[in-house]
Amino acid sequence: QVQLVESGGGLVQPGGSLRLSCAASGSISSFFRMAWYRQGPGKQRELVALITSSRSTFYADSVKGRFTIFRDNANAKNTMYLQMNSLKPEDTAVYYCNALQPPRDYWGQGTQVTVSS
């Protein structure tokens, strides 16, 4: 059973930065793709960014140029990251790590990001 554990959330001022981490219990190189989703207050869960097994990336328009998704499976780290810069109040949400290993879809428990002055 794969487990995903997010960390790195917190309170940050507008314009600030945070780096989220998603640590996987197994080798992330076995996943077809990994992704970050978020769910803001009163909103539906939405895709923020994804990275495939070949390291291709995709970003939602709202975060393009500000967020970077990357992964590190060297030295058994098995961790995916989301570097978030120039944060805005509208980035406030619970951020979830997701991993797809067909036919299974795995989720982390989420980490809260709050952008406020």
Protein backbone atom coordinates (compact mmCIF):
# COMPACT_ATOMS: atom_id res chain seq x y z
CA GLN A 1 0.00 0.00 0.00
CA VAL A 2 1.45 3.34 -1.06
CA GLN A 3 1.34 6.19 1.44
CA LEU A 4 1.80 9.85 0.58
CA VAL A 5 2.64 12.38 3.29
CA GLU A 6 2.61 16.11 2.58
CA SER A 7 4.46 18.73 4.58
CA GLY A 8 5.61 22.32 4.25
CA GLY A 9 2.32 24.19 4.46
CA GLY A 10 1.79 27.20 6.68
CA LEU A 11 0.97 30.88 6.88
CA VAL A 12 2.80 33.23 4.53
CA GLN A 13 2.39 36.83 3.50
CA PRO A 14 1.39 37.78 -0.06
CA GLY A 15 4.45 37.70 -2.28
CA GLY A 16 6.15 35.10 -0.12
CA SER A 17 7.28 31.58 -0.90
CA LEU A 18 6.69 28.07 0.39
CA ARG A 19 7.94 24.66 -0.65
CA LEU A 20 5.59 21.72 -0.23
CA SER A 21 6.93 18.17 -0.02
CA CYS A 22 5.21 14.87 -0.71
CA ALA A 23 7.06 11.86 0.61
CA ALA A 24 6.05 8.49 -0.85
CA SER A 25 6.46 5.18 0.92
CA GLY A 26 7.47 3.48 -2.30
CA SER A 27 9.58 4.34 -5.30
CA ILE A 28 8.09 7.34 -7.09
CA SER A 29 9.68 6.22 -10.33
CA SER A 30 6.98 3.53 -10.48
CA PHE A 31 4.19 6.11 -10.67
CA PHE A 32 2.72 6.96 -14.06
CA ARG A 33 2.42 10.53 -12.88
CA MET A 34 2.29 12.61 -9.70
CA ALA A 35 0.39 15.80 -9.10
CA TRP A 36 -0.60 18.54 -6.69
CA TYR A 37 -4.24 19.48 -6.28
CA ARG A 38 -5.77 22.10 -4.05
CA GLN A 39 -9.15 22.89 -2.58
CA GLY A 40 -9.86 26.42 -1.46
CA PRO A 41 -12.66 27.44 0.93
CA GLY A 42 -16.01 26.80 -0.73
CA LYS A 43 -14.35 25.61 -3.94
CA GLN A 44 -13.96 22.33 -5.76
CA ARG A 45 -10.65 20.51 -5.77
CA GLU A 46 -8.55 21.59 -8.74
CA LEU A 47 -5.37 20.44 -10.42
CA VAL A 48 -2.42 22.72 -9.72
CA ALA A 49 0.47 20.92 -11.42
CA LEU A 50 1.55 17.47 -12.51
CA ILE A 51 4.75 15.68 -13.46
CA THR A 52 4.94 12.47 -15.47
CA SER A 53 7.33 9.57 -15.14
CA SER A 54 9.32 11.11 -18.00
CA ARG A 55 9.39 14.41 -16.04
CA SER A 56 7.06 16.28 -18.39
CA THR A 57 5.15 18.94 -16.47
CA PHE A 58 1.82 20.73 -16.69
CA TYR A 59 0.60 23.77 -14.76
CA ALA A 60 -2.76 25.38 -14.25
CA ASP A 61 -2.89 28.82 -15.84
CA SER A 62 -3.38 30.42 -12.43
CA VAL A 63 0.03 29.24 -11.18
CA LYS A 64 2.13 29.25 -14.36
CA GLY A 65 5.36 31.13 -13.89
CA ARG A 66 5.00 31.12 -10.09
CA PHE A 67 4.95 27.44 -9.11
CA THR A 68 7.40 24.69 -10.01
CA ILE A 69 6.81 20.96 -9.60
CA PHE A 70 9.76 18.62 -9.41
CA ARG A 71 10.70 15.24 -7.99
CA ASP A 72 13.73 13.68 -6.39
CA ASN A 73 14.00 9.92 -6.42
CA ALA A 74 17.74 9.84 -6.04
CA ASN A 75 19.19 8.27 -2.90
CA ALA A 76 15.79 6.77 -2.05
CA LYS A 77 14.30 10.18 -1.25
CA ASN A 78 11.13 9.38 -3.19
CA THR A 79 9.82 12.89 -2.75
CA MET A 80 7.90 15.27 -4.95
CA TYR A 81 7.95 19.02 -4.36
CA LEU A 82 5.97 22.11 -5.22
CA GLN A 83 7.94 25.33 -5.03
CA MET A 84 5.47 28.19 -4.71
CA ASN A 85 6.68 31.76 -5.26
CA SER A 86 4.88 35.09 -5.45
CA LEU A 87 2.01 33.67 -3.44
CA LYS A 88 -1.37 35.38 -3.58
CA PRO A 89 -4.32 35.27 -1.18
CA GLU A 90 -6.23 33.25 -3.78
CA ASP A 91 -3.63 30.49 -3.43
CA THR A 92 -5.03 29.80 0.04
CA ALA A 93 -6.17 26.17 0.09
CA VAL A 94 -5.51 22.70 1.33
CA TYR A 95 -2.92 21.20 -1.01
CA TYR A 96 -3.05 17.49 -1.75
CA CYS A 97 -0.44 15.19 -3.21
CA ASN A 98 -1.68 12.63 -5.73
CA ALA A 99 -0.01 9.67 -7.40
CA LEU A 100 -1.39 7.59 -10.23
CA GLN A 101 -0.27 4.01 -10.61
CA PRO A 102 -2.94 2.50 -12.85
CA PRO A 103 -5.41 1.31 -11.90
CA ARG A 104 -4.78 2.80 -8.44
CA ASP A 105 -4.98 6.47 -7.50
CA TYR A 106 -3.36 7.54 -4.20
CA TRP A 107 -3.91 10.69 -2.13
CA GLY A 108 -2.16 12.32 0.79
CA GLN A 109 -3.97 13.84 3.75
CA GLY A 110 -3.39 17.43 2.64
CA THR A 111 -1.45 20.39 4.00
CA GLN A 112 -2.93 23.84 4.64
CA VAL A 113 -1.47 26.88 2.88
CA THR A 114 -2.73 30.26 3.99
CA VAL A 115 -1.64 33.45 2.24
CA SER A 116 -2.57 36.48 4.28
CA SER A 117 -1.13 39.69 5.62
